[in-house]
Structures are given as structure tokens and as C-alpha cells.
N, C-alpha and C. Protein backbone atom coordinates (compact mmCIF):
# COMPACT_ATOMS: atom_id res chain seq x y z
N MET A 1 -20.87 129.27 -5.16
CA MET A 1 -22.16 128.69 -4.86
C MET A 1 -23.27 129.57 -5.41
N SER A 2 -24.28 128.96 -5.93
CA SER A 2 -25.38 129.72 -6.51
C SER A 2 -26.20 130.40 -5.44
N LYS A 3 -26.64 131.63 -5.75
CA LYS A 3 -27.51 132.34 -4.83
C LYS A 3 -28.87 131.66 -4.74
N GLN A 4 -29.20 130.80 -5.69
CA GLN A 4 -30.46 130.09 -5.67
C GLN A 4 -30.34 128.74 -4.97
N HIS A 5 -29.46 128.68 -3.99
CA HIS A 5 -29.29 127.45 -3.22
C HIS A 5 -30.63 127.04 -2.61
N ARG A 6 -31.02 125.78 -2.83
CA ARG A 6 -32.32 125.31 -2.34
C ARG A 6 -32.21 124.87 -0.88
N PHE A 7 -33.10 125.39 -0.04
CA PHE A 7 -33.12 125.03 1.36
C PHE A 7 -33.81 123.67 1.53
N THR A 8 -33.01 122.61 1.64
CA THR A 8 -33.53 121.27 1.86
C THR A 8 -33.92 121.12 3.33
N SER A 9 -34.49 119.96 3.68
CA SER A 9 -34.85 119.72 5.08
C SER A 9 -33.60 119.73 5.96
N ARG A 10 -32.48 119.26 5.43
CA ARG A 10 -31.23 119.28 6.18
C ARG A 10 -30.75 120.72 6.39
N THR A 11 -30.85 121.54 5.35
CA THR A 11 -30.46 122.95 5.47
C THR A 11 -31.30 123.63 6.54
N LYS A 12 -32.60 123.39 6.51
CA LYS A 12 -33.49 124.00 7.50
C LYS A 12 -33.16 123.51 8.91
N ALA A 13 -32.79 122.24 9.04
CA ALA A 13 -32.42 121.71 10.35
C ALA A 13 -31.14 122.38 10.86
N ARG A 14 -30.20 122.62 9.95
CA ARG A 14 -28.97 123.32 10.34
C ARG A 14 -29.28 124.75 10.80
N LYS A 15 -30.19 125.40 10.06
CA LYS A 15 -30.56 126.77 10.43
C LYS A 15 -31.26 126.80 11.78
N ARG A 16 -32.15 125.83 12.04
CA ARG A 16 -32.82 125.77 13.34
C ARG A 16 -31.80 125.56 14.44
N ALA A 17 -30.81 124.71 14.19
CA ALA A 17 -29.76 124.49 15.18
C ALA A 17 -28.98 125.77 15.43
N ALA A 18 -28.64 126.47 14.35
CA ALA A 18 -27.91 127.73 14.49
C ALA A 18 -28.73 128.75 15.27
N ASP A 19 -30.05 128.76 15.07
CA ASP A 19 -30.92 129.68 15.80
C ASP A 19 -30.82 129.43 17.31
N VAL A 20 -30.81 128.16 17.71
CA VAL A 20 -30.73 127.83 19.13
C VAL A 20 -29.35 128.18 19.69
N VAL A 21 -28.30 127.89 18.92
CA VAL A 21 -26.94 128.25 19.35
C VAL A 21 -26.82 129.76 19.50
N TYR A 22 -27.41 130.49 18.56
CA TYR A 22 -27.41 131.96 18.63
C TYR A 22 -28.14 132.44 19.89
N GLU A 23 -29.30 131.86 20.18
CA GLU A 23 -30.06 132.28 21.36
C GLU A 23 -29.28 132.00 22.64
N ALA A 24 -28.60 130.86 22.69
CA ALA A 24 -27.77 130.53 23.86
C ALA A 24 -26.67 131.57 24.03
N ASP A 25 -26.09 132.00 22.92
CA ASP A 25 -25.05 133.02 22.97
C ASP A 25 -25.61 134.33 23.52
N GLN A 26 -26.84 134.67 23.12
CA GLN A 26 -27.47 135.89 23.62
C GLN A 26 -27.80 135.78 25.11
N ARG A 27 -27.91 134.57 25.60
CA ARG A 27 -28.16 134.35 27.03
C ARG A 27 -26.86 134.33 27.84
N GLY A 28 -25.75 134.63 27.17
CA GLY A 28 -24.47 134.71 27.86
C GLY A 28 -23.74 133.40 27.96
N MET A 29 -23.91 132.53 26.95
CA MET A 29 -23.26 131.22 26.99
C MET A 29 -21.75 131.33 27.12
N GLY A 30 -21.12 132.20 26.32
CA GLY A 30 -19.66 132.28 26.37
C GLY A 30 -19.05 130.93 26.09
N SER A 31 -18.24 130.43 27.01
CA SER A 31 -17.61 129.12 26.85
C SER A 31 -18.29 128.06 27.72
N ASN A 32 -19.48 128.39 28.25
CA ASN A 32 -20.18 127.46 29.14
C ASN A 32 -21.26 126.69 28.36
N PRO A 33 -21.00 125.45 27.99
CA PRO A 33 -21.96 124.70 27.17
C PRO A 33 -23.24 124.34 27.90
N ASP A 34 -23.26 124.45 29.24
CA ASP A 34 -24.47 124.11 29.99
C ASP A 34 -25.63 125.03 29.63
N VAL A 35 -25.31 126.28 29.25
CA VAL A 35 -26.36 127.21 28.84
C VAL A 35 -27.06 126.67 27.59
N LEU A 36 -26.27 126.14 26.66
CA LEU A 36 -26.83 125.57 25.44
C LEU A 36 -27.62 124.30 25.74
N ARG A 37 -27.10 123.47 26.63
CA ARG A 37 -27.82 122.24 26.98
C ARG A 37 -29.16 122.57 27.64
N ASP A 38 -29.17 123.57 28.53
CA ASP A 38 -30.43 123.96 29.18
C ASP A 38 -31.45 124.46 28.16
N LEU A 39 -30.96 125.27 27.20
CA LEU A 39 -31.86 125.80 26.19
C LEU A 39 -32.41 124.67 25.31
N LEU A 40 -31.56 123.70 24.99
CA LEU A 40 -32.02 122.57 24.20
C LEU A 40 -33.12 121.81 24.93
N ARG A 41 -32.96 121.63 26.24
CA ARG A 41 -34.01 120.95 27.01
C ARG A 41 -35.32 121.73 26.94
N GLU A 42 -35.22 123.07 26.99
CA GLU A 42 -36.42 123.90 26.87
C GLU A 42 -37.08 123.70 25.51
N ARG A 43 -36.27 123.70 24.46
CA ARG A 43 -36.82 123.62 23.11
C ARG A 43 -37.42 122.25 22.80
N ARG A 44 -37.04 121.24 23.55
CA ARG A 44 -37.59 119.90 23.32
C ARG A 44 -38.95 119.73 23.98
N VAL A 45 -39.33 120.70 24.83
CA VAL A 45 -40.67 120.70 25.41
C VAL A 45 -41.57 121.48 24.46
N ILE A 46 -42.42 120.79 23.76
CA ILE A 46 -43.21 121.38 22.68
C ILE A 46 -44.47 122.05 23.23
N THR A 47 -44.72 123.26 22.76
CA THR A 47 -45.97 123.95 23.07
C THR A 47 -46.74 124.14 21.77
N ALA A 48 -48.00 124.59 21.91
CA ALA A 48 -48.84 124.79 20.73
C ALA A 48 -48.28 125.85 19.81
N ALA A 49 -47.46 126.75 20.36
CA ALA A 49 -46.93 127.86 19.57
C ALA A 49 -45.59 127.53 18.91
N GLN A 50 -45.07 126.36 19.16
CA GLN A 50 -43.74 126.02 18.67
C GLN A 50 -43.78 124.90 17.63
N THR A 51 -42.84 124.97 16.72
CA THR A 51 -42.63 123.88 15.78
C THR A 51 -41.55 122.97 16.36
N PRO A 52 -41.78 121.67 16.43
CA PRO A 52 -40.78 120.77 17.01
C PRO A 52 -39.44 120.88 16.31
N LEU A 53 -38.37 120.77 17.09
CA LEU A 53 -37.03 120.75 16.50
C LEU A 53 -36.82 119.44 15.76
N PRO A 54 -36.30 119.48 14.55
CA PRO A 54 -35.96 118.23 13.85
C PRO A 54 -34.90 117.45 14.63
N GLU A 55 -34.94 116.14 14.50
CA GLU A 55 -33.95 115.31 15.21
C GLU A 55 -32.53 115.69 14.82
N PHE A 56 -32.32 116.05 13.55
CA PHE A 56 -30.97 116.44 13.13
C PHE A 56 -30.54 117.73 13.84
N SER A 57 -31.46 118.66 14.04
CA SER A 57 -31.14 119.88 14.78
C SER A 57 -30.72 119.54 16.21
N ILE A 58 -31.46 118.63 16.83
CA ILE A 58 -31.14 118.23 18.21
C ILE A 58 -29.75 117.61 18.26
N GLN A 59 -29.45 116.77 17.28
CA GLN A 59 -28.12 116.13 17.22
C GLN A 59 -27.02 117.18 17.10
N ILE A 60 -27.24 118.17 16.24
CA ILE A 60 -26.24 119.22 16.05
C ILE A 60 -26.04 120.02 17.33
N ILE A 61 -27.13 120.46 17.95
CA ILE A 61 -27.04 121.30 19.14
C ILE A 61 -26.32 120.57 20.27
N ALA A 62 -26.70 119.31 20.49
CA ALA A 62 -26.03 118.51 21.53
C ALA A 62 -24.55 118.35 21.20
N GLY A 63 -24.24 118.15 19.91
CA GLY A 63 -22.84 118.00 19.50
C GLY A 63 -22.04 119.27 19.70
N VAL A 64 -22.64 120.41 19.39
CA VAL A 64 -21.94 121.69 19.61
C VAL A 64 -21.66 121.88 21.10
N ALA A 65 -22.64 121.56 21.94
CA ALA A 65 -22.45 121.69 23.39
C ALA A 65 -21.31 120.79 23.88
N ASP A 66 -21.27 119.57 23.38
CA ASP A 66 -20.25 118.61 23.83
C ASP A 66 -18.85 118.97 23.33
N ASN A 67 -18.77 119.73 22.24
CA ASN A 67 -17.47 120.03 21.63
C ASN A 67 -17.19 121.53 21.57
N LEU A 68 -17.87 122.32 22.42
CA LEU A 68 -17.82 123.77 22.29
C LEU A 68 -16.40 124.33 22.39
N ARG A 69 -15.62 123.86 23.34
CA ARG A 69 -14.28 124.42 23.51
C ARG A 69 -13.41 124.16 22.28
N ARG A 70 -13.48 122.94 21.74
CA ARG A 70 -12.68 122.61 20.56
C ARG A 70 -13.15 123.39 19.34
N ILE A 71 -14.47 123.52 19.19
CA ILE A 71 -15.02 124.28 18.06
C ILE A 71 -14.59 125.74 18.12
N ASP A 72 -14.74 126.36 19.29
CA ASP A 72 -14.39 127.77 19.43
C ASP A 72 -12.89 128.00 19.28
N SER A 73 -12.09 127.03 19.70
CA SER A 73 -10.64 127.13 19.53
C SER A 73 -10.28 127.20 18.06
N LEU A 74 -10.92 126.36 17.25
CA LEU A 74 -10.64 126.35 15.81
C LEU A 74 -11.10 127.65 15.15
N ILE A 75 -12.29 128.11 15.49
CA ILE A 75 -12.80 129.35 14.89
C ILE A 75 -11.92 130.52 15.27
N SER A 76 -11.56 130.62 16.54
CA SER A 76 -10.72 131.73 17.01
C SER A 76 -9.37 131.73 16.31
N ALA A 77 -8.77 130.56 16.14
CA ALA A 77 -7.45 130.48 15.52
C ALA A 77 -7.47 130.91 14.05
N HIS A 78 -8.53 130.53 13.34
CA HIS A 78 -8.56 130.79 11.90
C HIS A 78 -9.26 132.08 11.52
N ALA A 79 -10.06 132.63 12.41
CA ALA A 79 -10.68 133.92 12.13
C ALA A 79 -9.74 135.07 12.48
N ARG A 80 -8.76 134.80 13.33
CA ARG A 80 -7.74 135.77 13.71
C ARG A 80 -8.36 137.07 14.23
N VAL A 81 -9.24 136.91 15.23
CA VAL A 81 -9.86 138.06 15.88
C VAL A 81 -9.45 138.06 17.34
N PRO A 82 -9.46 139.24 18.00
CA PRO A 82 -9.07 139.31 19.42
C PRO A 82 -9.95 138.45 20.32
N GLY A 83 -11.19 138.25 19.94
CA GLY A 83 -12.11 137.43 20.72
C GLY A 83 -13.30 137.08 19.87
N LEU A 84 -13.99 135.99 20.23
CA LEU A 84 -15.14 135.57 19.43
C LEU A 84 -16.26 136.60 19.47
N ASP A 85 -16.24 137.48 20.47
CA ASP A 85 -17.27 138.52 20.54
C ASP A 85 -17.11 139.56 19.43
N ARG A 86 -15.99 139.51 18.71
CA ARG A 86 -15.79 140.42 17.57
C ARG A 86 -16.43 139.89 16.29
N ILE A 87 -16.91 138.66 16.34
CA ILE A 87 -17.60 138.07 15.20
C ILE A 87 -19.11 138.27 15.38
N ALA A 88 -19.79 138.62 14.31
CA ALA A 88 -21.25 138.77 14.39
C ALA A 88 -21.85 137.49 14.97
N ALA A 89 -22.77 137.65 15.93
CA ALA A 89 -23.31 136.49 16.65
C ALA A 89 -23.98 135.49 15.72
N VAL A 90 -24.67 135.98 14.70
CA VAL A 90 -25.32 135.08 13.74
C VAL A 90 -24.27 134.25 13.00
N ASP A 91 -23.21 134.91 12.53
CA ASP A 91 -22.16 134.20 11.80
C ASP A 91 -21.47 133.19 12.69
N LEU A 92 -21.24 133.56 13.96
CA LEU A 92 -20.59 132.64 14.89
C LEU A 92 -21.44 131.40 15.12
N ALA A 93 -22.74 131.58 15.27
CA ALA A 93 -23.62 130.44 15.49
C ALA A 93 -23.59 129.49 14.29
N VAL A 94 -23.65 130.04 13.09
CA VAL A 94 -23.62 129.22 11.89
C VAL A 94 -22.28 128.49 11.77
N MET A 95 -21.19 129.17 12.08
CA MET A 95 -19.87 128.53 11.99
C MET A 95 -19.70 127.46 13.05
N ARG A 96 -20.25 127.66 14.23
CA ARG A 96 -20.18 126.61 15.26
C ARG A 96 -20.87 125.34 14.78
N VAL A 97 -22.03 125.50 14.16
CA VAL A 97 -22.75 124.35 13.61
C VAL A 97 -21.91 123.67 12.52
N ALA A 98 -21.33 124.46 11.62
CA ALA A 98 -20.56 123.90 10.51
C ALA A 98 -19.29 123.20 11.00
N VAL A 99 -18.61 123.79 11.97
CA VAL A 99 -17.38 123.16 12.48
C VAL A 99 -17.70 121.85 13.17
N TRP A 100 -18.82 121.80 13.91
CA TRP A 100 -19.19 120.52 14.52
C TRP A 100 -19.36 119.45 13.44
N GLU A 101 -20.03 119.81 12.34
CA GLU A 101 -20.23 118.82 11.28
C GLU A 101 -18.90 118.37 10.67
N MET A 102 -17.98 119.30 10.48
CA MET A 102 -16.68 118.93 9.90
C MET A 102 -15.90 118.03 10.86
N LEU A 103 -16.11 118.21 12.16
CA LEU A 103 -15.41 117.40 13.15
C LEU A 103 -16.05 116.03 13.35
N GLU A 104 -17.38 115.98 13.36
CA GLU A 104 -18.07 114.79 13.85
C GLU A 104 -19.00 114.10 12.85
N ASN A 105 -19.44 114.79 11.82
CA ASN A 105 -20.41 114.19 10.90
C ASN A 105 -19.71 113.65 9.66
N ASP A 106 -19.38 112.37 9.70
CA ASP A 106 -18.66 111.75 8.59
C ASP A 106 -19.54 111.49 7.37
N GLU A 107 -20.85 111.68 7.52
CA GLU A 107 -21.77 111.38 6.42
C GLU A 107 -21.81 112.49 5.37
N VAL A 108 -21.29 113.67 5.72
CA VAL A 108 -21.38 114.81 4.81
C VAL A 108 -19.98 115.36 4.52
N SER A 109 -19.73 115.66 3.25
CA SER A 109 -18.45 116.24 2.85
C SER A 109 -18.27 117.63 3.45
N PRO A 110 -17.06 117.98 3.91
CA PRO A 110 -16.82 119.32 4.43
C PRO A 110 -17.17 120.42 3.42
N ILE A 111 -16.99 120.14 2.14
CA ILE A 111 -17.34 121.12 1.11
C ILE A 111 -18.84 121.42 1.14
N ILE A 112 -19.64 120.38 1.30
CA ILE A 112 -21.09 120.58 1.38
C ILE A 112 -21.45 121.33 2.66
N VAL A 113 -20.79 121.00 3.75
CA VAL A 113 -21.04 121.69 5.02
C VAL A 113 -20.78 123.19 4.87
N ILE A 114 -19.67 123.54 4.23
CA ILE A 114 -19.34 124.96 4.03
C ILE A 114 -20.36 125.62 3.12
N ASP A 115 -20.74 124.93 2.05
CA ASP A 115 -21.73 125.47 1.13
C ASP A 115 -23.05 125.75 1.84
N GLU A 116 -23.46 124.84 2.71
CA GLU A 116 -24.69 125.03 3.48
C GLU A 116 -24.57 126.24 4.41
N ALA A 117 -23.43 126.36 5.08
CA ALA A 117 -23.22 127.48 6.00
C ALA A 117 -23.29 128.82 5.26
N ILE A 118 -22.68 128.86 4.09
CA ILE A 118 -22.70 130.10 3.29
C ILE A 118 -24.12 130.44 2.87
N SER A 119 -24.88 129.43 2.48
CA SER A 119 -26.26 129.69 2.04
C SER A 119 -27.09 130.24 3.20
N ILE A 120 -26.84 129.76 4.40
CA ILE A 120 -27.61 130.23 5.56
C ILE A 120 -27.25 131.67 5.91
N VAL A 121 -25.94 131.99 5.99
CA VAL A 121 -25.57 133.36 6.36
C VAL A 121 -25.96 134.34 5.26
N ARG A 122 -25.96 133.86 4.01
CA ARG A 122 -26.38 134.74 2.92
C ARG A 122 -27.84 135.15 3.10
N SER A 123 -28.65 134.26 3.66
CA SER A 123 -30.08 134.54 3.80
C SER A 123 -30.41 135.34 5.06
N ILE A 124 -29.51 135.33 6.07
CA ILE A 124 -29.88 135.96 7.34
C ILE A 124 -28.87 136.97 7.86
N SER A 125 -27.70 137.09 7.21
CA SER A 125 -26.68 137.96 7.78
C SER A 125 -26.31 139.08 6.79
N THR A 126 -25.12 139.65 6.97
CA THR A 126 -24.70 140.81 6.19
C THR A 126 -24.13 140.41 4.83
N ASP A 127 -23.90 141.40 3.97
CA ASP A 127 -23.36 141.13 2.64
C ASP A 127 -21.93 140.58 2.69
N THR A 128 -21.17 140.98 3.72
CA THR A 128 -19.78 140.52 3.81
C THR A 128 -19.66 139.17 4.50
N SER A 129 -20.73 138.72 5.13
CA SER A 129 -20.66 137.47 5.90
C SER A 129 -20.32 136.24 5.07
N PRO A 130 -20.91 136.03 3.88
CA PRO A 130 -20.58 134.81 3.13
C PRO A 130 -19.09 134.66 2.84
N SER A 131 -18.43 135.75 2.43
CA SER A 131 -17.00 135.66 2.12
C SER A 131 -16.19 135.36 3.38
N PHE A 132 -16.56 136.02 4.48
CA PHE A 132 -15.84 135.81 5.74
C PHE A 132 -16.01 134.38 6.24
N VAL A 133 -17.26 133.92 6.29
CA VAL A 133 -17.54 132.57 6.77
C VAL A 133 -16.87 131.53 5.87
N ASN A 134 -16.89 131.73 4.56
CA ASN A 134 -16.24 130.82 3.64
C ASN A 134 -14.74 130.73 3.90
N ALA A 135 -14.10 131.90 4.08
CA ALA A 135 -12.65 131.92 4.29
C ALA A 135 -12.26 131.21 5.59
N VAL A 136 -13.00 131.47 6.66
CA VAL A 136 -12.68 130.86 7.95
C VAL A 136 -12.93 129.35 7.91
N LEU A 137 -14.09 128.95 7.42
CA LEU A 137 -14.41 127.52 7.39
C LEU A 137 -13.50 126.75 6.45
N ASP A 138 -13.10 127.35 5.33
CA ASP A 138 -12.22 126.65 4.41
C ASP A 138 -10.83 126.48 5.02
N ALA A 139 -10.38 127.48 5.77
CA ALA A 139 -9.09 127.35 6.46
C ALA A 139 -9.16 126.24 7.50
N ILE A 140 -10.28 126.14 8.21
CA ILE A 140 -10.46 125.06 9.18
C ILE A 140 -10.50 123.71 8.47
N ARG A 141 -11.20 123.64 7.35
CA ARG A 141 -11.26 122.39 6.57
C ARG A 141 -9.87 121.91 6.20
N LYS A 142 -9.04 122.81 5.71
CA LYS A 142 -7.68 122.43 5.32
C LYS A 142 -6.86 121.99 6.53
N ASP A 143 -7.06 122.66 7.66
CA ASP A 143 -6.35 122.28 8.87
C ASP A 143 -6.75 120.88 9.31
N LEU A 144 -8.05 120.59 9.29
CA LEU A 144 -8.53 119.28 9.71
C LEU A 144 -8.06 118.17 8.77
N ALA A 145 -7.82 118.51 7.51
CA ALA A 145 -7.38 117.51 6.53
C ALA A 145 -5.88 117.25 6.60
N SER A 146 -5.15 118.07 7.34
CA SER A 146 -3.70 117.95 7.37
C SER A 146 -3.25 116.82 8.28
N PRO A 147 -2.08 116.20 8.00
CA PRO A 147 -1.55 115.16 8.87
C PRO A 147 -1.33 115.65 10.29
N ALA A 148 -0.98 116.94 10.42
CA ALA A 148 -0.73 117.49 11.75
C ALA A 148 -1.98 117.41 12.61
N TRP A 149 -3.15 117.62 11.99
CA TRP A 149 -4.39 117.55 12.78
C TRP A 149 -4.66 116.13 13.24
N SER A 150 -4.35 115.12 12.41
CA SER A 150 -4.56 113.73 12.80
C SER A 150 -3.74 113.39 14.03
N ARG A 151 -2.50 113.87 14.04
CA ARG A 151 -1.65 113.63 15.21
C ARG A 151 -2.20 114.36 16.42
N ARG A 152 -2.63 115.60 16.22
CA ARG A 152 -3.14 116.42 17.31
C ARG A 152 -4.41 115.80 17.89
N SER A 153 -5.27 115.24 17.01
CA SER A 153 -6.52 114.61 17.47
C SER A 153 -6.22 113.40 18.34
N SER A 154 -5.20 112.63 17.94
CA SER A 154 -4.83 111.47 18.73
C SER A 154 -4.35 111.88 20.11
N GLU A 155 -3.57 112.96 20.16
CA GLU A 155 -3.10 113.47 21.44
C GLU A 155 -4.26 113.96 22.30
N GLU A 156 -5.25 114.61 21.66
CA GLU A 156 -6.41 115.10 22.40
C GLU A 156 -7.20 113.95 22.99
N GLU A 157 -7.32 112.83 22.24
CA GLU A 157 -8.04 111.67 22.76
C GLU A 157 -7.34 111.12 24.00
N GLU A 158 -6.00 111.12 23.98
CA GLU A 158 -5.25 110.64 25.13
C GLU A 158 -5.47 111.55 26.33
N VAL A 159 -5.47 112.86 26.08
CA VAL A 159 -5.70 113.81 27.17
C VAL A 159 -7.10 113.66 27.72
N ARG A 160 -8.10 113.46 26.81
CA ARG A 160 -9.49 113.31 27.24
C ARG A 160 -9.64 112.08 28.12
N ALA A 161 -8.99 110.98 27.72
CA ALA A 161 -9.06 109.76 28.52
C ALA A 161 -8.44 109.98 29.89
N SER A 162 -7.33 110.73 29.92
CA SER A 162 -6.67 111.04 31.18
C SER A 162 -7.56 111.92 32.05
N ASP A 163 -8.26 112.88 31.42
CA ASP A 163 -9.19 113.75 32.15
C ASP A 163 -10.27 112.95 32.84
N GLU A 164 -10.85 112.00 32.09
CA GLU A 164 -11.93 111.19 32.65
C GLU A 164 -11.43 110.34 33.82
N ALA A 165 -10.19 109.83 33.69
CA ALA A 165 -9.64 109.00 34.76
C ALA A 165 -9.38 109.80 36.03
N GLU A 166 -9.08 111.11 35.87
CA GLU A 166 -8.72 111.94 37.01
C GLU A 166 -9.85 112.87 37.44
N SER A 167 -11.05 112.69 36.85
CA SER A 167 -12.15 113.62 37.11
C SER A 167 -12.52 113.67 38.59
N SER A 168 -12.36 112.55 39.32
CA SER A 168 -12.75 112.53 40.72
C SER A 168 -11.79 113.29 41.61
N SER A 169 -10.61 113.65 41.08
CA SER A 169 -9.61 114.34 41.90
C SER A 169 -9.79 115.84 41.91
N ASP A 170 -10.75 116.36 41.09
CA ASP A 170 -11.02 117.81 41.03
C ASP A 170 -9.80 118.62 40.64
N VAL A 171 -8.92 118.03 39.84
CA VAL A 171 -7.75 118.76 39.36
C VAL A 171 -8.15 119.56 38.14
N GLU A 172 -7.90 120.87 38.16
CA GLU A 172 -8.27 121.72 37.03
C GLU A 172 -7.15 121.72 36.01
N LEU A 173 -7.47 121.28 34.80
CA LEU A 173 -6.47 121.21 33.74
C LEU A 173 -6.39 122.53 33.01
N PRO A 174 -5.23 122.87 32.44
CA PRO A 174 -5.11 124.13 31.69
C PRO A 174 -5.99 124.11 30.46
N ALA A 175 -6.43 125.30 30.04
CA ALA A 175 -7.28 125.43 28.86
C ALA A 175 -6.53 124.97 27.62
N GLN A 176 -7.24 124.38 26.70
CA GLN A 176 -6.64 123.93 25.45
C GLN A 176 -6.21 125.12 24.61
N GLU A 177 -5.03 125.03 24.08
CA GLU A 177 -4.54 126.10 23.22
C GLU A 177 -5.11 125.95 21.82
N ALA A 178 -5.31 127.07 21.16
CA ALA A 178 -5.81 127.05 19.78
C ALA A 178 -4.77 126.42 18.86
N PRO A 179 -5.19 125.63 17.87
CA PRO A 179 -4.24 125.01 16.95
C PRO A 179 -3.49 126.05 16.13
N ALA A 180 -2.23 125.73 15.82
CA ALA A 180 -1.41 126.67 15.05
C ALA A 180 -1.95 126.82 13.64
N ARG A 181 -1.85 128.03 13.10
CA ARG A 181 -2.29 128.27 11.74
C ARG A 181 -1.20 127.85 10.78
N ALA A 182 -1.51 126.90 9.92
CA ALA A 182 -0.52 126.44 8.96
C ALA A 182 -1.23 125.79 7.79
N LEU A 183 -0.70 126.01 6.58
CA LEU A 183 -1.26 125.35 5.41
C LEU A 183 -0.83 123.89 5.42
N PRO A 184 -1.69 122.96 5.01
CA PRO A 184 -1.28 121.57 4.90
C PRO A 184 -0.23 121.40 3.81
N ALA A 185 0.50 120.27 3.86
CA ALA A 185 1.57 120.03 2.91
C ALA A 185 1.04 120.06 1.49
N GLY A 186 1.72 120.81 0.63
CA GLY A 186 1.35 120.89 -0.78
C GLY A 186 0.32 121.94 -1.11
N ALA A 187 -0.34 122.51 -0.09
CA ALA A 187 -1.37 123.52 -0.35
C ALA A 187 -0.74 124.86 -0.67
N LYS A 188 -1.40 125.64 -1.55
CA LYS A 188 -0.89 126.95 -1.95
C LYS A 188 -1.92 128.02 -1.66
N PRO A 189 -1.49 129.18 -1.17
CA PRO A 189 -2.43 130.27 -0.92
C PRO A 189 -3.06 130.73 -2.23
N LEU A 190 -4.26 131.27 -2.15
CA LEU A 190 -4.94 131.78 -3.34
C LEU A 190 -4.28 133.04 -3.84
N ASP A 191 -4.25 133.19 -5.17
CA ASP A 191 -3.76 134.41 -5.81
C ASP A 191 -2.36 134.81 -5.37
N GLY A 192 -1.55 133.86 -5.01
CA GLY A 192 -0.17 134.15 -4.68
C GLY A 192 0.02 134.78 -3.31
N GLY A 193 -1.06 135.02 -2.56
CA GLY A 193 -0.95 135.63 -1.25
C GLY A 193 -0.92 134.56 -0.17
N SER A 194 -0.92 135.01 1.07
CA SER A 194 -0.92 134.08 2.19
C SER A 194 -2.32 133.98 2.76
N VAL A 195 -2.57 132.88 3.51
CA VAL A 195 -3.86 132.73 4.17
C VAL A 195 -4.09 133.90 5.11
N GLU A 196 -3.03 134.34 5.82
CA GLU A 196 -3.16 135.45 6.76
C GLU A 196 -3.57 136.73 6.05
N ASP A 197 -2.93 136.99 4.89
CA ASP A 197 -3.25 138.21 4.14
C ASP A 197 -4.70 138.18 3.69
N GLU A 198 -5.15 137.02 3.17
CA GLU A 198 -6.51 136.91 2.66
C GLU A 198 -7.52 137.15 3.78
N LEU A 199 -7.28 136.53 4.95
CA LEU A 199 -8.20 136.73 6.06
C LEU A 199 -8.15 138.15 6.59
N ASP A 200 -6.96 138.76 6.61
CA ASP A 200 -6.86 140.15 7.06
C ASP A 200 -7.72 141.05 6.19
N GLU A 201 -7.67 140.81 4.86
CA GLU A 201 -8.46 141.65 3.95
C GLU A 201 -9.95 141.44 4.19
N LEU A 202 -10.35 140.18 4.40
CA LEU A 202 -11.76 139.89 4.64
C LEU A 202 -12.23 140.50 5.95
N LEU A 203 -11.36 140.45 6.97
CA LEU A 203 -11.73 141.01 8.27
C LEU A 203 -11.88 142.52 8.20
N GLU A 204 -11.05 143.18 7.36
CA GLU A 204 -11.18 144.63 7.21
C GLU A 204 -12.54 144.96 6.60
N GLU A 205 -12.97 144.14 5.57
CA GLU A 205 -14.26 144.38 4.96
C GLU A 205 -15.38 144.04 5.93
N TYR A 206 -15.16 143.00 6.73
CA TYR A 206 -16.16 142.49 7.67
C TYR A 206 -16.41 143.51 8.76
């Protein structure tokens, strides 16, 4: 991707969304999406000192809140870190926004989503961040494109429907496990190495 990537209105909206997700994380969001929802409500109350959030930013933030557990599960599985707190908070916020788009925004190609995420972290994060974010998001992209993910998504929909049916019983369901790391059928690791080796090298630099 060119370093002269032009920040379109959509790019700026993604960055604004990432800013809010980052702030929620600094407020101790962890795995609790209500912190993000509360912050979004605050940001929608416009003051003279604030620039209104674009509607696309609002859509992204609400989507991240609604899908936070699934998003974080994917990032954790493919970043191969002991915990999400080991990832720079800025990079994590940008990746959360990008993963939501890959999961829910059918209007944009995953390749474009990744390119946008890289352009944002290049402008606001460390020198090693673009390579790290690219590697993690591309691994997630390949996982989502695999037949195994389609089957897994169908199973998740069934579980979600069951959850809603049993919500009045106050039964606590076990946490969702992170998806297994695997290359889709026919895919080959870069430069003859494995996805794990490539990410390990990036994490060492990171």
C-alpha cells in the first residue's frame, strides 16, 4: 500500500470510530461492551467544542459493541498473544473496527478494509504496527473466507438463537472459544514458512 494513501471521508469515519473504541478501552472496557455503548451515547450529545460523529462512525462503534466478544476472539486467536492487553491499545482499536467490517459490512472488500486499517495505524501508531496489523487482519480474512468459518458461523447463529430463547432463565453459558488457527484449503504460507512462524517474527519485532 502506498504511504500516500488518501484519507477519504470513509477513512476519517473509521479513524473516528477507532478513537472512540480506544477511549472506551482506556476507561477499562475489557470485554464489557456496555462501556463502549455508554461512551457512544456521550459522543452523540454534541457540544460547541465537539465535531459530530459521522453516521458511519456511529454504525461502526455500535457494531463493535454488539460483536465485541466475537471480534476479540478472532484477534486473540490470530495475533497469538497471551492477552489483548499485550497489543498496543491504538492498534487493537483499529483492528476491532476492521474486524467488524470484515464480519458485517458486505459493501466493502476485506482487502480494502485491511488497507484502510494499515493507513490509519501508519499515521498514528508505531513503525512496526502496519506489518503487525496487516499480518493479523490478513490471517483473519483468510479464516473468514474458509469453508470451516461458514460452518462455524451457522453453528454460532444456532447458539445465539438458543441464547435468546433461554435468556429469561438466567443460565450463564460458557465463554466462546477462539477459532482454531488454520490455513484455508489450497492456501500456502508466504515465503515457504508457516503462518505461525511469520506472526512469531512480527510479534518479536512488535
